[in-house]
C-alpha atoms as a PDB file:
ATOM      1  CA  MET A   1      20.632  -5.324  24.906  1.00  0.00           C
ATOM      2  CA  THR A   2      17.975  -2.617  25.286  1.00  0.00           C
ATOM      3  CA  THR A   3      15.903  -2.543  28.464  1.00  0.00           C
ATOM      4  CA  ILE A   4      12.227  -1.767  27.906  1.00  0.00           C
ATOM      5  CA  LYS A   5      10.060  -0.568  30.774  1.00  0.00           C
ATOM      6  CA  ALA A   6       6.425  -1.610  30.840  1.00  0.00           C
ATOM      7  CA  SER A   7       3.758  -1.729  33.504  1.00  0.00           C
ATOM      8  CA  CYS A   8       1.905  -4.643  35.021  1.00  0.00           C
ATOM      9  CA  PRO A   9      -1.474  -3.775  36.571  1.00  0.00           C
ATOM     10  CA  THR A  10      -0.563  -5.870  39.632  1.00  0.00           C
ATOM     11  CA  CYS A  11       3.182  -5.350  40.039  1.00  0.00           C
ATOM     12  CA  GLY A  12       3.701  -1.880  38.578  1.00  0.00           C
ATOM     13  CA  GLU A  13       6.721  -1.027  36.441  1.00  0.00           C
ATOM     14  CA  VAL A  14       8.813  -3.963  35.193  1.00  0.00           C
ATOM     15  CA  GLU A  15      11.920  -4.185  33.024  1.00  0.00           C
ATOM     16  CA  LEU A  16      11.914  -6.359  29.910  1.00  0.00           C
ATOM     17  CA  THR A  17      14.094  -7.111  26.916  1.00  0.00           C
ATOM     18  CA  SER A  18      12.980  -7.124  23.307  1.00  0.00           C
ATOM     19  CA  ARG A  19      12.759 -10.930  23.436  1.00  0.00           C
ATOM     20  CA  ASP A  20      10.252 -10.713  26.309  1.00  0.00           C
ATOM     21  CA  ILE A  21       7.701  -8.773  24.245  1.00  0.00           C
ATOM     22  CA  THR A  22       5.426  -9.949  21.454  1.00  0.00           C
ATOM     23  CA  LEU A  23       4.219  -7.172  19.138  1.00  0.00           C
ATOM     24  CA  ARG A  24       1.240  -7.996  16.914  1.00  0.00           C
ATOM     25  CA  VAL A  25       0.460  -5.339  14.280  1.00  0.00           C
ATOM     26  CA  CYS A  26      -2.932  -5.621  12.602  1.00  0.00           C
ATOM     27  CA  ASN A  27      -4.060  -4.194   9.258  1.00  0.00           C
ATOM     28  CA  HIS A  28      -6.933  -2.664  11.298  1.00  0.00           C
ATOM     29  CA  ALA A  29      -4.869  -0.391  13.586  1.00  0.00           C
ATOM     30  CA  PRO A  30      -7.134  -0.433  16.688  1.00  0.00           C
ATOM     31  CA  LEU A  31      -6.545  -4.202  17.013  1.00  0.00           C
ATOM     32  CA  SER A  32      -2.724  -3.965  17.215  1.00  0.00           C
ATOM     33  CA  TYR A  33      -1.284  -4.935  20.590  1.00  0.00           C
ATOM     34  CA  TYR A  34       1.796  -6.031  22.488  1.00  0.00           C
ATOM     35  CA  CYS A  35       2.003  -8.585  25.248  1.00  0.00           C
ATOM     36  CA  PHE A  36       4.517  -9.928  27.710  1.00  0.00           C
ATOM     37  CA  GLU A  37       4.729 -12.218  30.701  1.00  0.00           C
ATOM     38  CA  CYS A  38       5.295 -10.205  33.856  1.00  0.00           C
ATOM     39  CA  PRO A  39       8.602 -11.330  35.365  1.00  0.00           C
ATOM     40  CA  ALA A  40       7.243 -10.786  38.904  1.00  0.00           C
ATOM     41  CA  CYS A  41       3.773 -12.401  38.880  1.00  0.00           C
ATOM     42  CA  THR A  42       4.050 -14.419  35.592  1.00  0.00           C
ATOM     43  CA  GLU A  43       0.677 -13.143  34.367  1.00  0.00           C
ATOM     44  CA  GLU A  44       0.353 -12.451  30.650  1.00  0.00           C
ATOM     45  CA  ILE A  45      -0.192  -8.739  30.145  1.00  0.00           C
ATOM     46  CA  ARG A  46      -1.757  -7.503  26.892  1.00  0.00           C
ATOM     47  CA  LYS A  47      -1.935  -3.827  25.955  1.00  0.00           C
ATOM     48  CA  PRO A  48      -3.039  -1.881  22.881  1.00  0.00           C
ATOM     49  CA  ALA A  49      -0.307  -0.592  20.578  1.00  0.00           C
ATOM     50  CA  ASP A  50      -0.864   2.599  18.596  1.00  0.00           C
ATOM     51  CA  ASP A  51       1.583   3.862  15.958  1.00  0.00           C
ATOM     52  CA  HIS A  52       3.738   5.604  18.566  1.00  0.00           C
ATOM     53  CA  ILE A  53       4.054   2.491  20.771  1.00  0.00           C
ATOM     54  CA  ILE A  54       4.771   0.321  17.715  1.00  0.00           C
ATOM     55  CA  SER A  55       7.618   2.588  16.587  1.00  0.00           C
ATOM     56  CA  LEU A  56       9.065   2.771  20.125  1.00  0.00           C
ATOM     57  CA  LEU A  57       9.016  -1.000  20.556  1.00  0.00           C
ATOM     58  CA  MET A  58      10.487  -1.627  17.117  1.00  0.00           C
ATOM     59  CA  SER A  59      13.267   0.907  17.772  1.00  0.00           C
ATOM     60  CA  GLY A  60      14.024  -1.079  20.932  1.00  0.00           C
ATOM     61  CA  GLY A  61      14.501  -4.254  18.904  1.00  0.00           C
ATOM     62  CA  VAL A  62      11.042  -5.837  19.216  1.00  0.00           C
ATOM     63  CA  ARG A  63      10.079  -7.634  16.015  1.00  0.00           C
ATOM     64  CA  ALA A  64       6.573  -7.023  14.732  1.00  0.00           C
ATOM     65  CA  GLN A  65       4.344  -9.913  13.750  1.00  0.00           C
ATOM     66  CA  VAL A  66       1.862  -8.653  11.162  1.00  0.00           C
ATOM     67  CA  TRP A  67      -1.611 -10.161  11.070  1.00  0.00           C
ATOM     68  CA  GLU A  68      -4.699  -9.356   9.049  1.00  0.00           C
ATOM     69  CA  ILE A  69      -8.251  -9.411  10.220  1.00  0.00           C
ATOM     70  CA  PRO A  70     -10.645 -10.785   7.585  1.00  0.00           C
ATOM     71  CA  ALA A  71     -12.831  -8.107   6.005  1.00  0.00           C
ATOM     72  CA  GLU A  72     -15.932 -10.078   7.004  1.00  0.00           C
ATOM     73  CA  ALA A  73     -15.149  -9.502  10.676  1.00  0.00           C
ATOM     74  CA  LEU A  74     -15.461  -5.742  10.204  1.00  0.00           C
ATOM     75  CA  GLU A  75     -18.747  -5.792   8.269  1.00  0.00           C
ATOM     76  CA  THR A  76     -21.785  -4.217   9.860  1.00  0.00           C
ATOM     77  CA  HIS A  77     -24.799  -6.467  10.215  1.00  0.00           C
ATOM     78  CA  ASP A  78     -28.329  -5.125  10.377  1.00  0.00           C
ATOM     79  CA  GLY A  79     -31.327  -6.913  11.784  1.00  0.00           C
ATOM     80  CA  PRO A  80     -31.844  -9.095  14.803  1.00  0.00           C
ATOM     81  CA  ALA A  81     -29.319 -11.688  15.902  1.00  0.00           C
ATOM     82  CA  LEU A  82     -30.015 -15.330  15.138  1.00  0.00           C
ATOM     83  CA  SER A  83     -31.796 -17.134  17.923  1.00  0.00           C
ATOM     84  CA  TYR A  84     -31.481 -20.775  18.903  1.00  0.00           C
ATOM     85  CA  ASP A  85     -34.850 -21.423  17.225  1.00  0.00           C
ATOM     86  CA  ASP A  86     -33.601 -19.841  13.977  1.00  0.00           C
ATOM     87  CA  LEU A  87     -30.596 -22.146  13.986  1.00  0.00           C
ATOM     88  CA  LEU A  88     -32.727 -25.206  14.747  1.00  0.00           C
ATOM     89  CA  ASP A  89     -35.127 -24.317  11.906  1.00  0.00           C
ATOM     90  CA  PHE A  90     -32.153 -23.984   9.548  1.00  0.00           C
ATOM     91  CA  VAL A  91     -30.789 -27.414  10.501  1.00  0.00           C
ATOM     92  CA  LEU A  92     -34.208 -29.020  10.082  1.00  0.00           C
ATOM     93  CA  GLN A  93     -34.561 -27.441   6.633  1.00  0.00           C
ATOM     94  CA  LEU A  94     -31.164 -28.793   5.612  1.00  0.00           C
ATOM     95  CA  SER A  95     -32.070 -32.312   6.629  1.00  0.00           C
ATOM     96  CA  ALA A  96     -35.472 -32.161   4.896  1.00  0.00           C
ATOM     97  CA  HIS A  97     -34.243 -30.734   1.610  1.00  0.00           C
ATOM     98  CA  ASP A  98     -30.710 -31.645   0.707  1.00  0.00           C
ATOM     99  CA  THR A  99     -30.539 -28.995  -2.039  1.00  0.00           C
ATOM    100  CA  LEU A 100     -26.948 -28.207  -1.217  1.00  0.00           C
ATOM    101  CA  SER A 101     -25.928 -31.767  -2.006  1.00  0.00           C
ATOM    102  CA  VAL A 102     -27.944 -31.770  -5.219  1.00  0.00           C
ATOM    103  CA  ALA A 103     -26.378 -28.488  -6.323  1.00  0.00           C
ATOM    104  CA  ALA A 104     -22.927 -29.950  -5.649  1.00  0.00           C
ATOM    105  CA  GLY A 105     -23.736 -32.992  -7.773  1.00  0.00           C
ATOM    106  CA  GLY A 106     -24.111 -35.400  -4.874  1.00  0.00           C
ATOM    107  CA  ARG A 107     -26.869 -37.854  -4.171  1.00  0.00           C
ATOM    108  CA  THR A 108     -29.928 -37.026  -2.123  1.00  0.00           C
ATOM    109  CA  ARG A 109     -31.013 -39.039   0.872  1.00  0.00           C
ATOM    110  CA  THR A 110     -33.868 -41.476   0.479  1.00  0.00           C
END
């Protein structure tokens, strides 16, 4: 079995096997990462994985788990962030006018 060397910020260099490492490859490359539990301190270590790291780990027998980030998470949003008051106003409007229920064919509150 292949020995893979990685580094723990606390313990320094550690030796792992392919089964010790989880490789998560994202459709948005900057969010790809690998993680492992340090055999010395048992902390979970998570590090970014670029294309070079991904190919090295896969050549060492680490299986990649592919995941996709929803497109909505990468959208840019302009304008100010919602405040607590904005959210409270929204909830009060929903309870006063149950237009969503009417549009869905439900009954309105009396």
